[in-house]
């Protein structure tokens, strides 16, 4: 069920403290932690504490928490002293989503060309 923790979800396990992560920020509704396979000098994931499979499901089911994730993007960027950064939501395996728990990637610390390659 959407919003409920999933036993087999890596990010739900991080939220519950069962899997370690390098947490950089935490609010009542979100957790931000360093990506274990960084694609930029700064690569932080922001996840909602509730489980939704992707960003669209989160926006539809809990729009206030989707907004919290976006607010945390700026807070993370401020903490990391990023003047510029990219926020990415991958939705579906064809877009590179590998953990099916909504999450935002915050990437920065180097020039980020468009389109990404």
C-alpha atoms as a PDB file:
ATOM      1  CA  UNK A   1       0.000   0.000   0.000  1.00  0.00           C
ATOM      2  CA  UNK A   2       1.300   3.455  -0.885  1.00  0.00           C
ATOM      3  CA  UNK A   3       2.702   5.361   2.046  1.00  0.00           C
ATOM      4  CA  UNK A   4       3.348   2.211   4.095  1.00  0.00           C
ATOM      5  CA  UNK A   5       6.900   0.891   4.610  1.00  0.00           C
ATOM      6  CA  UNK A   6       7.804  -1.977   2.286  1.00  0.00           C
ATOM      7  CA  UNK A   7       9.792  -4.894   3.745  1.00  0.00           C
ATOM      8  CA  UNK A   8      11.901  -5.336   0.606  1.00  0.00           C
ATOM      9  CA  UNK A   9      12.600  -1.620  -0.010  1.00  0.00           C
ATOM     10  CA  UNK A  10      16.190  -0.469   0.560  1.00  0.00           C
ATOM     11  CA  UNK A  11      15.146   3.118   1.231  1.00  0.00           C
ATOM     12  CA  UNK A  12      12.420   2.092   3.711  1.00  0.00           C
ATOM     13  CA  UNK A  13      15.145   0.158   5.531  1.00  0.00           C
ATOM     14  CA  UNK A  14      17.327   3.303   5.614  1.00  0.00           C
ATOM     15  CA  UNK A  15      14.398   5.327   7.008  1.00  0.00           C
ATOM     16  CA  UNK A  16      13.875   2.677   9.704  1.00  0.00           C
ATOM     17  CA  UNK A  17      17.596   2.611  10.564  1.00  0.00           C
ATOM     18  CA  UNK A  18      18.045  -1.022   9.496  1.00  0.00           C
ATOM     19  CA  UNK A  19      20.495  -0.166   6.700  1.00  0.00           C
ATOM     20  CA  UNK A  20      23.309   2.327   7.310  1.00  0.00           C
ATOM     21  CA  UNK A  21      23.628   5.478   5.243  1.00  0.00           C
ATOM     22  CA  UNK A  22      25.651   8.666   5.499  1.00  0.00           C
ATOM     23  CA  UNK A  23      22.771  10.916   6.485  1.00  0.00           C
ATOM     24  CA  UNK A  24      23.365  14.640   5.945  1.00  0.00           C
ATOM     25  CA  UNK A  25      19.907  16.008   6.822  1.00  0.00           C
ATOM     26  CA  UNK A  26      16.694  14.703   8.302  1.00  0.00           C
ATOM     27  CA  UNK A  27      13.283  16.262   8.850  1.00  0.00           C
ATOM     28  CA  UNK A  28       9.990  14.895  10.104  1.00  0.00           C
ATOM     29  CA  UNK A  29       9.140  13.813   6.539  1.00  0.00           C
ATOM     30  CA  UNK A  30      12.457  13.352   4.689  1.00  0.00           C
ATOM     31  CA  UNK A  31      15.928  11.846   4.917  1.00  0.00           C
ATOM     32  CA  UNK A  32      18.901  13.054   2.849  1.00  0.00           C
ATOM     33  CA  UNK A  33      22.003  10.910   2.471  1.00  0.00           C
ATOM     34  CA  UNK A  34      25.077  10.562   0.271  1.00  0.00           C
ATOM     35  CA  UNK A  35      24.757   8.305  -2.760  1.00  0.00           C
ATOM     36  CA  UNK A  36      26.982   5.210  -2.516  1.00  0.00           C
ATOM     37  CA  UNK A  37      27.802   5.500  -6.243  1.00  0.00           C
ATOM     38  CA  UNK A  38      28.218   9.269  -6.740  1.00  0.00           C
ATOM     39  CA  UNK A  39      27.921  10.690 -10.243  1.00  0.00           C
ATOM     40  CA  UNK A  40      29.238  14.125  -9.215  1.00  0.00           C
ATOM     41  CA  UNK A  41      31.445  15.484  -6.405  1.00  0.00           C
ATOM     42  CA  UNK A  42      28.224  16.116  -4.466  1.00  0.00           C
ATOM     43  CA  UNK A  43      25.531  13.475  -4.992  1.00  0.00           C
ATOM     44  CA  UNK A  44      22.881  13.323  -2.303  1.00  0.00           C
ATOM     45  CA  UNK A  45      19.563  11.513  -2.335  1.00  0.00           C
ATOM     46  CA  UNK A  46      16.500  12.986  -0.670  1.00  0.00           C
ATOM     47  CA  UNK A  47      13.764  10.491   0.131  1.00  0.00           C
ATOM     48  CA  UNK A  48      10.373  10.826   1.764  1.00  0.00           C
ATOM     49  CA  UNK A  49       9.977   8.775   4.915  1.00  0.00           C
ATOM     50  CA  UNK A  50       6.748   7.373   3.459  1.00  0.00           C
ATOM     51  CA  UNK A  51       6.913   4.853   0.615  1.00  0.00           C
ATOM     52  CA  UNK A  52       5.692   5.780  -2.845  1.00  0.00           C
ATOM     53  CA  UNK A  53       7.125   4.019  -5.880  1.00  0.00           C
ATOM     54  CA  UNK A  54       8.125   7.196  -7.754  1.00  0.00           C
ATOM     55  CA  UNK A  55       7.863  10.980  -7.800  1.00  0.00           C
ATOM     56  CA  UNK A  56       4.544  11.020  -9.670  1.00  0.00           C
ATOM     57  CA  UNK A  57       2.944   8.648  -7.160  1.00  0.00           C
ATOM     58  CA  UNK A  58       4.321  10.763  -4.303  1.00  0.00           C
ATOM     59  CA  UNK A  59       2.966  13.976  -5.834  1.00  0.00           C
ATOM     60  CA  UNK A  60      -0.466  12.416  -6.312  1.00  0.00           C
ATOM     61  CA  UNK A  61      -0.641  10.680  -2.934  1.00  0.00           C
ATOM     62  CA  UNK A  62       1.171  13.101  -0.639  1.00  0.00           C
ATOM     63  CA  UNK A  63       1.749  16.440  -2.407  1.00  0.00           C
ATOM     64  CA  UNK A  64       2.795  18.155   0.824  1.00  0.00           C
ATOM     65  CA  UNK A  65       5.606  15.627   1.282  1.00  0.00           C
ATOM     66  CA  UNK A  66       6.628  15.995  -2.378  1.00  0.00           C
ATOM     67  CA  UNK A  67       6.984  19.712  -1.636  1.00  0.00           C
ATOM     68  CA  UNK A  68       9.071  18.862   1.444  1.00  0.00           C
ATOM     69  CA  UNK A  69      11.462  16.842  -0.749  1.00  0.00           C
ATOM     70  CA  UNK A  70      11.880  19.834  -3.069  1.00  0.00           C
ATOM     71  CA  UNK A  71      12.390  22.241  -0.152  1.00  0.00           C
ATOM     72  CA  UNK A  72      15.082  19.948   1.198  1.00  0.00           C
ATOM     73  CA  UNK A  73      16.896  20.133  -2.153  1.00  0.00           C
ATOM     74  CA  UNK A  74      17.688  23.790  -1.492  1.00  0.00           C
ATOM     75  CA  UNK A  75      18.588  23.101   2.148  1.00  0.00           C
ATOM     76  CA  UNK A  76      21.022  20.370   1.052  1.00  0.00           C
ATOM     77  CA  UNK A  77      22.498  22.679  -1.589  1.00  0.00           C
ATOM     78  CA  UNK A  78      22.953  25.400   1.030  1.00  0.00           C
ATOM     79  CA  UNK A  79      24.598  22.980   3.471  1.00  0.00           C
ATOM     80  CA  UNK A  80      26.932  21.728   0.724  1.00  0.00           C
ATOM     81  CA  UNK A  81      27.662  25.325  -0.396  1.00  0.00           C
ATOM     82  CA  UNK A  82      26.467  24.631  -3.940  1.00  0.00           C
ATOM     83  CA  UNK A  83      25.815  27.716  -6.036  1.00  0.00           C
ATOM     84  CA  UNK A  84      24.353  25.555  -8.791  1.00  0.00           C
ATOM     85  CA  UNK A  85      22.949  22.057  -8.659  1.00  0.00           C
ATOM     86  CA  UNK A  86      20.680  19.677 -10.516  1.00  0.00           C
ATOM     87  CA  UNK A  87      17.654  17.926  -9.040  1.00  0.00           C
ATOM     88  CA  UNK A  88      16.754  14.666 -10.814  1.00  0.00           C
ATOM     89  CA  UNK A  89      13.818  12.308 -10.332  1.00  0.00           C
ATOM     90  CA  UNK A  90      14.162   9.082 -12.337  1.00  0.00           C
ATOM     91  CA  UNK A  91      10.807   7.400 -12.937  1.00  0.00           C
ATOM     92  CA  UNK A  92      10.820   3.841 -14.205  1.00  0.00           C
ATOM     93  CA  UNK A  93      13.610   1.458 -15.148  1.00  0.00           C
ATOM     94  CA  UNK A  94      14.004   2.972 -18.628  1.00  0.00           C
ATOM     95  CA  UNK A  95      14.930   6.277 -16.976  1.00  0.00           C
ATOM     96  CA  UNK A  96      17.436   4.659 -14.630  1.00  0.00           C
ATOM     97  CA  UNK A  97      15.310   4.194 -11.514  1.00  0.00           C
ATOM     98  CA  UNK A  98      16.736   1.226  -9.629  1.00  0.00           C
ATOM     99  CA  UNK A  99      15.140   1.691  -6.202  1.00  0.00           C
ATOM    100  CA  UNK A 100      11.377   2.002  -6.459  1.00  0.00           C
ATOM    101  CA  UNK A 101      10.916   4.437  -3.590  1.00  0.00           C
ATOM    102  CA  UNK A 102      10.506   8.061  -4.693  1.00  0.00           C
ATOM    103  CA  UNK A 103      13.749   9.989  -4.389  1.00  0.00           C
ATOM    104  CA  UNK A 104      15.465  13.095  -5.695  1.00  0.00           C
ATOM    105  CA  UNK A 105      19.116  13.147  -6.687  1.00  0.00           C
ATOM    106  CA  UNK A 106      20.932  16.388  -5.875  1.00  0.00           C
ATOM    107  CA  UNK A 107      24.047  16.681  -8.053  1.00  0.00           C
ATOM    108  CA  UNK A 108      26.619  19.444  -7.932  1.00  0.00           C
ATOM    109  CA  UNK A 109      30.187  20.415  -7.325  1.00  0.00           C
ATOM    110  CA  UNK A 110      31.169  20.471 -11.009  1.00  0.00           C
ATOM    111  CA  UNK A 111      29.821  21.808 -14.281  1.00  0.00           C
ATOM    112  CA  UNK A 112      26.704  19.937 -15.335  1.00  0.00           C
ATOM    113  CA  UNK A 113      26.220  20.040 -19.077  1.00  0.00           C
ATOM    114  CA  UNK A 114      22.859  19.747 -20.806  1.00  0.00           C
ATOM    115  CA  UNK A 115      21.721  17.438 -22.114  1.00  0.00           C
ATOM    116  CA  UNK A 116      23.175  14.972 -19.626  1.00  0.00           C
ATOM    117  CA  UNK A 117      25.150  12.182 -21.175  1.00  0.00           C
END
